Amino acid sequence: MDWSLALASQGIEVTIDFQEGGLGWVLLVSTEQQAAAVATIRQYRLENRRWALRQQWREWGVTFHWGCWRGAG
């Protein structure tokens, strides 16, 4: 999900799709935008590799990003 938002922020059209056969969730981009997408994801991973606001919810297998929390008030 984070990667798709990073790509969208750079104007790269992306589709999130579930692939059978063990691949799971994947991002689909056009061939013309592939190099830009890879560069964007590499840069995103570099800038966010030690992001402390993530917490793994093991029961559900998802990651919660505390930066999106606004709370009440």
PDB file of N, CA and C in Angstrom:
ATOM      1  N   MET A   1       0.812  -1.186   0.000  1.00  0.00           N
ATOM      2  CA  MET A   1       0.000   0.000   0.000  1.00  0.00           C
ATOM      3  C   MET A   1       0.862   1.258   0.000  1.00  0.00           C
ATOM      4  N   ASP A   2       1.907   1.271   0.843  1.00  0.00           N
ATOM      5  CA  ASP A   2       2.779   2.437   0.892  1.00  0.00           C
ATOM      6  C   ASP A   2       3.401   2.710  -0.474  1.00  0.00           C
ATOM      7  N   TRP A   3       3.838   1.652  -1.129  1.00  0.00           N
ATOM      8  CA  TRP A   3       4.486   1.831  -2.425  1.00  0.00           C
ATOM      9  C   TRP A   3       3.525   2.424  -3.437  1.00  0.00           C
ATOM     10  N   SER A   4       2.274   1.990  -3.429  1.00  0.00           N
ATOM     11  CA  SER A   4       1.311   2.517  -4.400  1.00  0.00           C
ATOM     12  C   SER A   4       1.081   4.005  -4.168  1.00  0.00           C
ATOM     13  N   LEU A   5       1.080   4.441  -2.917  1.00  0.00           N
ATOM     14  CA  LEU A   5       0.925   5.862  -2.619  1.00  0.00           C
ATOM     15  C   LEU A   5       2.147   6.656  -3.060  1.00  0.00           C
ATOM     16  N   ALA A   6       3.337   6.087  -2.858  1.00  0.00           N
ATOM     17  CA  ALA A   6       4.565   6.752  -3.311  1.00  0.00           C
ATOM     18  C   ALA A   6       4.546   6.910  -4.825  1.00  0.00           C
ATOM     19  N   LEU A   7       4.119   5.870  -5.533  1.00  0.00           N
ATOM     20  CA  LEU A   7       4.052   5.939  -6.992  1.00  0.00           C
ATOM     21  C   LEU A   7       3.023   6.963  -7.446  1.00  0.00           C
ATOM     22  N   ALA A   8       1.849   6.938  -6.821  1.00  0.00           N
ATOM     23  CA  ALA A   8       0.795   7.891  -7.188  1.00  0.00           C
ATOM     24  C   ALA A   8       1.259   9.332  -6.953  1.00  0.00           C
ATOM     25  N   SER A   9       2.044   9.547  -5.898  1.00  0.00           N
ATOM     26  CA  SER A   9       2.528  10.901  -5.607  1.00  0.00           C
ATOM     27  C   SER A   9       3.464  11.416  -6.690  1.00  0.00           C
ATOM     28  N   GLN A  10       4.047  10.514  -7.462  1.00  0.00           N
ATOM     29  CA  GLN A  10       4.951  10.884  -8.546  1.00  0.00           C
ATOM     30  C   GLN A  10       4.257  10.859  -9.910  1.00  0.00           C
ATOM     31  N   GLY A  11       2.936  10.687  -9.900  1.00  0.00           N
ATOM     32  CA  GLY A  11       2.176  10.670 -11.146  1.00  0.00           C
ATOM     33  C   GLY A  11       2.289   9.369 -11.916  1.00  0.00           C
ATOM     34  N   ILE A  12       2.711   8.311 -11.246  1.00  0.00           N
ATOM     35  CA  ILE A  12       2.841   6.998 -11.880  1.00  0.00           C
ATOM     36  C   ILE A  12       1.559   6.223 -11.625  1.00  0.00           C
ATOM     37  N   GLU A  13       0.868   5.878 -12.691  1.00  0.00           N
ATOM     38  CA  GLU A  13      -0.377   5.129 -12.557  1.00  0.00           C
ATOM     39  C   GLU A  13      -0.075   3.698 -12.134  1.00  0.00           C
ATOM     40  N   VAL A  14      -0.772   3.238 -11.109  1.00  0.00           N
ATOM     41  CA  VAL A  14      -0.518   1.916 -10.554  1.00  0.00           C
ATOM     42  C   VAL A  14      -1.838   1.230 -10.253  1.00  0.00           C
ATOM     43  N   THR A  15      -1.849  -0.084 -10.417  1.00  0.00           N
ATOM     44  CA  THR A  15      -2.999  -0.912 -10.066  1.00  0.00           C
ATOM     45  C   THR A  15      -2.538  -1.933  -9.044  1.00  0.00           C
ATOM     46  N   ILE A  16      -3.288  -2.054  -7.955  1.00  0.00           N
ATOM     47  CA  ILE A  16      -3.005  -3.077  -6.951  1.00  0.00           C
ATOM     48  C   ILE A  16      -3.854  -4.290  -7.315  1.00  0.00           C
ATOM     49  N   ASP A  17      -3.203  -5.456  -7.438  1.00  0.00           N
ATOM     50  CA  ASP A  17      -3.909  -6.649  -7.882  1.00  0.00           C
ATOM     51  C   ASP A  17      -3.443  -7.848  -7.074  1.00  0.00           C
ATOM     52  N   PHE A  18      -4.341  -8.807  -6.854  1.00  0.00           N
ATOM     53  CA  PHE A  18      -3.987 -10.046  -6.177  1.00  0.00           C
ATOM     54  C   PHE A  18      -3.726 -11.112  -7.220  1.00  0.00           C
ATOM     55  N   GLN A  19      -2.552 -11.723  -7.140  1.00  0.00           N
ATOM     56  CA  GLN A  19      -2.154 -12.765  -8.085  1.00  0.00           C
ATOM     57  C   GLN A  19      -2.162 -14.122  -7.385  1.00  0.00           C
ATOM     58  N   GLU A  20      -2.803 -15.061  -7.987  1.00  0.00           N
ATOM     59  CA  GLU A  20      -2.820 -16.429  -7.464  1.00  0.00           C
ATOM     60  C   GLU A  20      -1.440 -17.061  -7.654  1.00  0.00           C
ATOM     61  N   GLY A  21      -1.243 -18.217  -7.078  1.00  0.00           N
ATOM     62  CA  GLY A  21      -0.006 -18.959  -7.281  1.00  0.00           C
ATOM     63  C   GLY A  21       1.132 -18.513  -6.379  1.00  0.00           C
ATOM     64  N   GLY A  22       0.789 -17.948  -5.239  1.00  0.00           N
ATOM     65  CA  GLY A  22       1.812 -17.598  -4.279  1.00  0.00           C
ATOM     66  C   GLY A  22       2.385 -16.200  -4.391  1.00  0.00           C
ATOM     67  N   LEU A  23       2.039 -15.454  -5.427  1.00  0.00           N
ATOM     68  CA  LEU A  23       2.575 -14.106  -5.558  1.00  0.00           C
ATOM     69  C   LEU A  23       1.912 -13.128  -4.593  1.00  0.00           C
ATOM     70  N   GLY A  24       0.636 -13.320  -4.331  1.00  0.00           N
ATOM     71  CA  GLY A  24      -0.080 -12.424  -3.427  1.00  0.00           C
ATOM     72  C   GLY A  24      -0.358 -11.083  -4.075  1.00  0.00           C
ATOM     73  N   TRP A  25      -0.316 -10.017  -3.285  1.00  0.00           N
ATOM     74  CA  TRP A  25      -0.608  -8.669  -3.773  1.00  0.00           C
ATOM     75  C   TRP A  25       0.584  -8.111  -4.531  1.00  0.00           C
ATOM     76  N   VAL A  26       0.320  -7.540  -5.698  1.00  0.00           N
ATOM     77  CA  VAL A  26       1.360  -6.965  -6.540  1.00  0.00           C
ATOM     78  C   VAL A  26       0.916  -5.593  -7.038  1.00  0.00           C
ATOM     79  N   LEU A  27       1.891  -4.798  -7.461  1.00  0.00           N
ATOM     80  CA  LEU A  27       1.622  -3.524  -8.098  1.00  0.00           C
ATOM     81  C   LEU A  27       1.861  -3.670  -9.588  1.00  0.00           C
ATOM     82  N   LEU A  28       0.929  -3.203 -10.379  1.00  0.00           N
ATOM     83  CA  LEU A  28       1.062  -3.261 -11.828  1.00  0.00           C
ATOM     84  C   LEU A  28       1.237  -1.845 -12.369  1.00  0.00           C
ATOM     85  N   VAL A  29       2.290  -1.648 -13.159  1.00  0.00           N
ATOM     86  CA  VAL A  29       2.521  -0.365 -13.814  1.00  0.00           C
ATOM     87  C   VAL A  29       2.779  -0.634 -15.296  1.00  0.00           C
ATOM     88  N   SER A  30       2.604   0.394 -16.107  1.00  0.00           N
ATOM     89  CA  SER A  30       2.844   0.223 -17.535  1.00  0.00           C
ATOM     90  C   SER A  30       4.336   0.047 -17.786  1.00  0.00           C
ATOM     91  N   THR A  31       4.663  -0.564 -18.904  1.00  0.00           N
ATOM     92  CA  THR A  31       6.055  -0.780 -19.285  1.00  0.00           C
ATOM     93  C   THR A  31       6.790   0.547 -19.390  1.00  0.00           C
ATOM     94  N   GLU A  32       6.109   1.564 -19.897  1.00  0.00           N
ATOM     95  CA  GLU A  32       6.725   2.876 -20.067  1.00  0.00           C
ATOM     96  C   GLU A  32       7.089   3.515 -18.725  1.00  0.00           C
ATOM     97  N   GLN A  33       6.370   3.176 -17.673  1.00  0.00           N
ATOM     98  CA  GLN A  33       6.612   3.775 -16.364  1.00  0.00           C
ATOM     99  C   GLN A  33       7.390   2.861 -15.421  1.00  0.00           C
ATOM    100  N   GLN A  34       7.820   1.719 -15.903  1.00  0.00           N
ATOM    101  CA  GLN A  34       8.478   0.736 -15.055  1.00  0.00           C
ATOM    102  C   GLN A  34       9.772   1.272 -14.430  1.00  0.00           C
ATOM    103  N   ALA A  35      10.642   1.887 -15.208  1.00  0.00           N
ATOM    104  CA  ALA A  35      11.910   2.385 -14.669  1.00  0.00           C
ATOM    105  C   ALA A  35      11.668   3.459 -13.615  1.00  0.00           C
ATOM    106  N   ALA A  36      10.736   4.361 -13.873  1.00  0.00           N
ATOM    107  CA  ALA A  36      10.418   5.411 -12.902  1.00  0.00           C
ATOM    108  C   ALA A  36       9.809   4.814 -11.641  1.00  0.00           C
ATOM    109  N   ALA A  37       8.983   3.771 -11.791  1.00  0.00           N
ATOM    110  CA  ALA A  37       8.365   3.118 -10.637  1.00  0.00           C
ATOM    111  C   ALA A  37       9.418   2.447  -9.765  1.00  0.00           C
ATOM    112  N   VAL A  38      10.338   1.740 -10.379  1.00  0.00           N
ATOM    113  CA  VAL A  38      11.407   1.067  -9.622  1.00  0.00           C
ATOM    114  C   VAL A  38      12.257   2.105  -8.895  1.00  0.00           C
ATOM    115  N   ALA A  39      12.602   3.200  -9.566  1.00  0.00           N
ATOM    116  CA  ALA A  39      13.410   4.248  -8.936  1.00  0.00           C
ATOM    117  C   ALA A  39      12.665   4.881  -7.765  1.00  0.00           C
ATOM    118  N   THR A  40      11.378   5.100  -7.917  1.00  0.00           N
ATOM    119  CA  THR A  40      10.569   5.697  -6.851  1.00  0.00           C
ATOM    120  C   THR A  40      10.494   4.770  -5.645  1.00  0.00           C
ATOM    121  N   ILE A  41      10.273   3.490  -5.882  1.00  0.00           N
ATOM    122  CA  ILE A  41      10.189   2.527  -4.774  1.00  0.00           C
ATOM    123  C   ILE A  41      11.543   2.400  -4.071  1.00  0.00           C
ATOM    124  N   ARG A  42      12.628   2.373  -4.831  1.00  0.00           N
ATOM    125  CA  ARG A  42      13.961   2.321  -4.212  1.00  0.00           C
ATOM    126  C   ARG A  42      14.188   3.539  -3.314  1.00  0.00           C
ATOM    127  N   GLN A  43      13.834   4.716  -3.810  1.00  0.00           N
ATOM    128  CA  GLN A  43      14.024   5.928  -3.033  1.00  0.00           C
ATOM    129  C   GLN A  43      13.129   5.923  -1.792  1.00  0.00           C
ATOM    130  N   TYR A  44      11.895   5.468  -1.951  1.00  0.00           N
ATOM    131  CA  TYR A  44      10.974   5.382  -0.809  1.00  0.00           C
ATOM    132  C   TYR A  44      11.540   4.455   0.265  1.00  0.00           C
ATOM    133  N   ARG A  45      12.036   3.295  -0.141  1.00  0.00           N
ATOM    134  CA  ARG A  45      12.591   2.340   0.815  1.00  0.00           C
ATOM    135  C   ARG A  45      13.838   2.904   1.503  1.00  0.00           C
ATOM    136  N   LEU A  46      14.657   3.612   0.748  1.00  0.00           N
ATOM    137  CA  LEU A  46      15.853   4.226   1.317  1.00  0.00           C
ATOM    138  C   LEU A  46      15.480   5.263   2.378  1.00  0.00           C
ATOM    139  N   GLU A  47      14.507   6.099   2.082  1.00  0.00           N
ATOM    140  CA  GLU A  47      14.113   7.170   2.996  1.00  0.00           C
ATOM    141  C   GLU A  47      13.307   6.676   4.192  1.00  0.00           C
ATOM    142  N   ASN A  48      12.704   5.502   4.091  1.00  0.00           N
ATOM    143  CA  ASN A  48      11.808   5.020   5.146  1.00  0.00           C
ATOM    144  C   ASN A  48      12.246   3.706   5.768  1.00  0.00           C
ATOM    145  N   ARG A  49      13.499   3.334   5.621  1.00  0.00           N
ATOM    146  CA  ARG A  49      13.940   2.024   6.101  1.00  0.00           C
ATOM    147  C   ARG A  49      13.903   1.885   7.613  1.00  0.00           C
ATOM    148  N   ARG A  50      13.985   2.961   8.340  1.00  0.00           N
ATOM    149  CA  ARG A  50      13.966   2.887   9.808  1.00  0.00           C
ATOM    150  C   ARG A  50      12.778   3.652  10.376  1.00  0.00           C
ATOM    151  N   TRP A  51      11.691   3.663   9.653  1.00  0.00           N
ATOM    152  CA  TRP A  51      10.497   4.398  10.072  1.00  0.00           C
ATOM    153  C   TRP A  51       9.955   3.792  11.352  1.00  0.00           C
ATOM    154  N   ALA A  52       9.947   4.555  12.439  1.00  0.00           N
ATOM    155  CA  ALA A  52       9.613   4.043  13.769  1.00  0.00           C
ATOM    156  C   ALA A  52       8.120   3.998  14.051  1.00  0.00           C
ATOM    157  N   LEU A  53       7.311   4.554  13.170  1.00  0.00           N
ATOM    158  CA  LEU A  53       5.880   4.633  13.460  1.00  0.00           C
ATOM    159  C   LEU A  53       5.095   3.437  12.939  1.00  0.00           C
ATOM    160  N   ARG A  54       5.758   2.347  12.651  1.00  0.00           N
ATOM    161  CA  ARG A  54       5.075   1.146  12.161  1.00  0.00           C
ATOM    162  C   ARG A  54       4.991   0.106  13.269  1.00  0.00           C
ATOM    163  N   GLN A  55       3.905  -0.607  13.280  1.00  0.00           N
ATOM    164  CA  GLN A  55       3.737  -1.674  14.259  1.00  0.00           C
ATOM    165  C   GLN A  55       3.087  -2.856  13.559  1.00  0.00           C
ATOM    166  N   GLN A  56       3.666  -4.017  13.712  1.00  0.00           N
ATOM    167  CA  GLN A  56       3.120  -5.226  13.091  1.00  0.00           C
ATOM    168  C   GLN A  56       1.969  -5.759  13.930  1.00  0.00           C
ATOM    169  N   TRP A  57       0.844  -5.967  13.289  1.00  0.00           N
ATOM    170  CA  TRP A  57      -0.288  -6.620  13.936  1.00  0.00           C
ATOM    171  C   TRP A  57      -0.227  -8.081  13.519  1.00  0.00           C
ATOM    172  N   ARG A  58       0.395  -8.890  14.329  1.00  0.00           N
ATOM    173  CA  ARG A  58       0.675 -10.275  13.960  1.00  0.00           C
ATOM    174  C   ARG A  58      -0.582 -11.091  13.720  1.00  0.00           C
ATOM    175  N   GLU A  59      -1.612 -10.812  14.493  1.00  0.00           N
ATOM    176  CA  GLU A  59      -2.832 -11.616  14.329  1.00  0.00           C
ATOM    177  C   GLU A  59      -3.424 -11.460  12.930  1.00  0.00           C
ATOM    178  N   TRP A  60      -3.271 -10.265  12.364  1.00  0.00           N
ATOM    179  CA  TRP A  60      -3.885  -9.991  11.065  1.00  0.00           C
ATOM    180  C   TRP A  60      -2.877 -10.007   9.928  1.00  0.00           C
ATOM    181  N   GLY A  61      -1.590  -9.966  10.268  1.00  0.00           N
ATOM    182  CA  GLY A  61      -0.572  -9.947   9.230  1.00  0.00           C
ATOM    183  C   GLY A  61      -0.495  -8.618   8.487  1.00  0.00           C
ATOM    184  N   VAL A  62      -0.876  -7.522   9.140  1.00  0.00           N
ATOM    185  CA  VAL A  62      -0.812  -6.210   8.505  1.00  0.00           C
ATOM    186  C   VAL A  62       0.066  -5.284   9.339  1.00  0.00           C
ATOM    187  N   THR A  63       0.508  -4.211   8.741  1.00  0.00           N
ATOM    188  CA  THR A  63       1.304  -3.211   9.432  1.00  0.00           C
ATOM    189  C   THR A  63       0.466  -1.954   9.587  1.00  0.00           C
ATOM    190  N   PHE A  64       0.443  -1.401  10.794  1.00  0.00           N
ATOM    191  CA  PHE A  64      -0.268  -0.157  11.046  1.00  0.00           C
ATOM    192  C   PHE A  64       0.730   0.972  11.093  1.00  0.00           C
ATOM    193  N   HIS A  65       0.477   2.025  10.375  1.00  0.00           N
ATOM    194  CA  HIS A  65       1.348   3.183  10.332  1.00  0.00           C
ATOM    195  C   HIS A  65       0.776   4.242  11.268  1.00  0.00           C
ATOM    196  N   TRP A  66       1.445   4.448  12.408  1.00  0.00           N
ATOM    197  CA  TRP A  66       0.936   5.363  13.431  1.00  0.00           C
ATOM    198  C   TRP A  66       0.937   6.805  12.964  1.00  0.00           C
ATOM    199  N   GLY A  67       1.633   7.124  11.915  1.00  0.00           N
ATOM    200  CA  GLY A  67       1.642   8.474  11.392  1.00  0.00           C
ATOM    201  C   GLY A  67       0.292   8.902  10.850  1.00  0.00           C
ATOM    202  N   CYS A  68      -0.580   7.952  10.547  1.00  0.00           N
ATOM    203  CA  CYS A  68      -1.901   8.288  10.030  1.00  0.00           C
ATOM    204  C   CYS A  68      -2.914   8.485  11.140  1.00  0.00           C
ATOM    205  N   TRP A  69      -2.535   8.211  12.375  1.00  0.00           N
ATOM    206  CA  TRP A  69      -3.447   8.306  13.509  1.00  0.00           C
ATOM    207  C   TRP A  69      -3.652   9.770  13.883  1.00  0.00           C
ATOM    208  N   ARG A  70      -4.893  10.196  13.978  1.00  0.00           N
ATOM    209  CA  ARG A  70      -5.193  11.560  14.387  1.00  0.00           C
ATOM    210  C   ARG A  70      -5.779  11.592  15.786  1.00  0.00           C
ATOM    211  N   GLY A  71      -6.406  10.520  16.197  1.00  0.00           N
ATOM    212  CA  GLY A  71      -6.984  10.454  17.530  1.00  0.00           C
ATOM    213  C   GLY A  71      -8.161  11.402  17.699  1.00  0.00           C
ATOM    214  N   ALA A  72      -8.794  11.327  18.836  1.00  0.00           N
ATOM    215  CA  ALA A  72      -9.934  12.191  19.110  1.00  0.00           C
ATOM    216  C   ALA A  72      -9.433  13.493  19.721  1.00  0.00           C
ATOM    217  N   GLY A  73     -10.053  14.557  19.325  1.00  0.00           N
ATOM    218  CA  GLY A  73      -9.735  15.846  19.949  1.00  0.00           C
ATOM    219  C   GLY A  73      -8.874  16.665  19.161  1.00  0.00           C
TER     220      GLY A  73
END
